[in-house]
Amino acid sequence: MKTIKAMSIAAVAALSLMSAATFAQSVSVTSSTLDGAEAKIAAQAKQNGEHYKITEASNNNFVHMTAELYK
């Protein structure tokens, strides 16, 4: 009985994580500055009525930034 309850709890937890992850959208942009790249991501999020979280940024000759958009 304890095993069934533990498996049920694990299944519910896994499904809740999957459903939350399906709403996130990953976007990548490039720009000549960090501010410019973030402005592009912010504009995409605002257009869709979403929030964003920057997950990666690199700066060589230009800036490459990746973020997740979510409700």
C-alpha atoms as a PDB file:
ATOM      1  CA  MET A   1       0.000   0.000   0.000  1.00  0.00           C
ATOM      2  CA  LYS A   2       2.835   2.377   0.863  1.00  0.00           C
ATOM      3  CA  THR A   3       4.496   1.594  -2.465  1.00  0.00           C
ATOM      4  CA  ILE A   4       1.349   2.486  -4.418  1.00  0.00           C
ATOM      5  CA  LYS A   5       1.020   5.809  -2.565  1.00  0.00           C
ATOM      6  CA  ALA A   6       4.690   6.630  -3.170  1.00  0.00           C
ATOM      7  CA  MET A   7       4.356   5.802  -6.884  1.00  0.00           C
ATOM      8  CA  SER A   8       1.192   7.890  -7.156  1.00  0.00           C
ATOM      9  CA  ILE A   9       2.875  10.886  -5.520  1.00  0.00           C
ATOM     10  CA  ALA A  10       5.903  10.530  -7.810  1.00  0.00           C
ATOM     11  CA  ALA A  11       3.662  10.323 -10.884  1.00  0.00           C
ATOM     12  CA  VAL A  12       1.687  13.427  -9.897  1.00  0.00           C
ATOM     13  CA  ALA A  13       4.912  15.340  -9.239  1.00  0.00           C
ATOM     14  CA  ALA A  14       6.367  14.315 -12.598  1.00  0.00           C
ATOM     15  CA  LEU A  15       3.211  15.288 -14.488  1.00  0.00           C
ATOM     16  CA  SER A  16       3.026  18.658 -12.779  1.00  0.00           C
ATOM     17  CA  LEU A  17       6.626  19.408 -13.740  1.00  0.00           C
ATOM     18  CA  MET A  18       6.016  18.354 -17.331  1.00  0.00           C
ATOM     19  CA  SER A  19       2.954  20.544 -17.714  1.00  0.00           C
ATOM     20  CA  ALA A  20       4.793  23.586 -16.335  1.00  0.00           C
ATOM     21  CA  ALA A  21       7.715  22.980 -18.679  1.00  0.00           C
ATOM     22  CA  THR A  22       5.484  22.809 -21.737  1.00  0.00           C
ATOM     23  CA  PHE A  23       4.433  26.422 -21.227  1.00  0.00           C
ATOM     24  CA  ALA A  24       8.013  27.742 -21.344  1.00  0.00           C
ATOM     25  CA  GLN A  25       9.382  28.804 -24.705  1.00  0.00           C
ATOM     26  CA  SER A  26      13.108  29.172 -25.325  1.00  0.00           C
ATOM     27  CA  VAL A  27      14.283  32.088 -27.487  1.00  0.00           C
ATOM     28  CA  SER A  28      17.728  33.179 -28.683  1.00  0.00           C
ATOM     29  CA  VAL A  29      18.781  36.600 -29.953  1.00  0.00           C
ATOM     30  CA  THR A  30      21.960  38.364 -31.029  1.00  0.00           C
ATOM     31  CA  SER A  31      22.991  41.985 -30.691  1.00  0.00           C
ATOM     32  CA  SER A  32      26.087  44.139 -30.436  1.00  0.00           C
ATOM     33  CA  THR A  33      25.476  44.839 -26.695  1.00  0.00           C
ATOM     34  CA  LEU A  34      24.046  43.059 -23.663  1.00  0.00           C
ATOM     35  CA  ASP A  35      21.413  45.772 -23.275  1.00  0.00           C
ATOM     36  CA  GLY A  36      20.396  45.376 -26.907  1.00  0.00           C
ATOM     37  CA  ALA A  37      20.029  41.607 -26.595  1.00  0.00           C
ATOM     38  CA  GLU A  38      17.969  41.901 -23.429  1.00  0.00           C
ATOM     39  CA  ALA A  39      15.778  44.567 -25.048  1.00  0.00           C
ATOM     40  CA  LYS A  40      15.007  42.161 -27.912  1.00  0.00           C
ATOM     41  CA  ILE A  41      14.036  39.408 -25.472  1.00  0.00           C
ATOM     42  CA  ALA A  42      11.953  41.821 -23.399  1.00  0.00           C
ATOM     43  CA  ALA A  43      10.126  42.968 -26.546  1.00  0.00           C
ATOM     44  CA  GLN A  44       9.300  39.366 -27.522  1.00  0.00           C
ATOM     45  CA  ALA A  45       8.039  38.624 -24.015  1.00  0.00           C
ATOM     46  CA  LYS A  46       5.937  41.794 -23.915  1.00  0.00           C
ATOM     47  CA  GLN A  47       4.434  41.048 -27.337  1.00  0.00           C
ATOM     48  CA  ASN A  48       3.231  37.665 -26.049  1.00  0.00           C
ATOM     49  CA  GLY A  49       2.217  38.951 -22.605  1.00  0.00           C
ATOM     50  CA  GLU A  50       4.881  36.818 -20.941  1.00  0.00           C
ATOM     51  CA  HIS A  51       7.771  37.156 -18.505  1.00  0.00           C
ATOM     52  CA  TYR A  52      11.324  36.084 -19.239  1.00  0.00           C
ATOM     53  CA  LYS A  53      14.318  34.569 -17.489  1.00  0.00           C
ATOM     54  CA  ILE A  54      17.748  34.856 -19.100  1.00  0.00           C
ATOM     55  CA  THR A  55      19.410  31.444 -19.092  1.00  0.00           C
ATOM     56  CA  GLU A  56      22.614  32.173 -21.033  1.00  0.00           C
ATOM     57  CA  ALA A  57      24.602  35.082 -22.428  1.00  0.00           C
ATOM     58  CA  SER A  58      27.961  35.135 -24.194  1.00  0.00           C
ATOM     59  CA  ASN A  59      30.001  37.979 -25.562  1.00  0.00           C
ATOM     60  CA  ASN A  60      32.640  37.566 -28.255  1.00  0.00           C
ATOM     61  CA  ASN A  61      32.408  39.963 -31.197  1.00  0.00           C
ATOM     62  CA  PHE A  62      28.652  40.126 -30.586  1.00  0.00           C
ATOM     63  CA  VAL A  63      26.275  39.104 -27.805  1.00  0.00           C
ATOM     64  CA  HIS A  64      24.299  35.872 -27.990  1.00  0.00           C
ATOM     65  CA  MET A  65      21.570  35.549 -25.343  1.00  0.00           C
ATOM     66  CA  THR A  66      19.074  32.788 -24.601  1.00  0.00           C
ATOM     67  CA  ALA A  67      16.025  33.110 -22.369  1.00  0.00           C
ATOM     68  CA  GLU A  68      12.860  31.250 -21.428  1.00  0.00           C
ATOM     69  CA  LEU A  69       9.532  32.992 -21.912  1.00  0.00           C
ATOM     70  CA  TYR A  70       6.717  31.959 -19.593  1.00  0.00           C
ATOM     71  CA  LYS A  71       3.302  33.136 -18.446  1.00  0.00           C
END
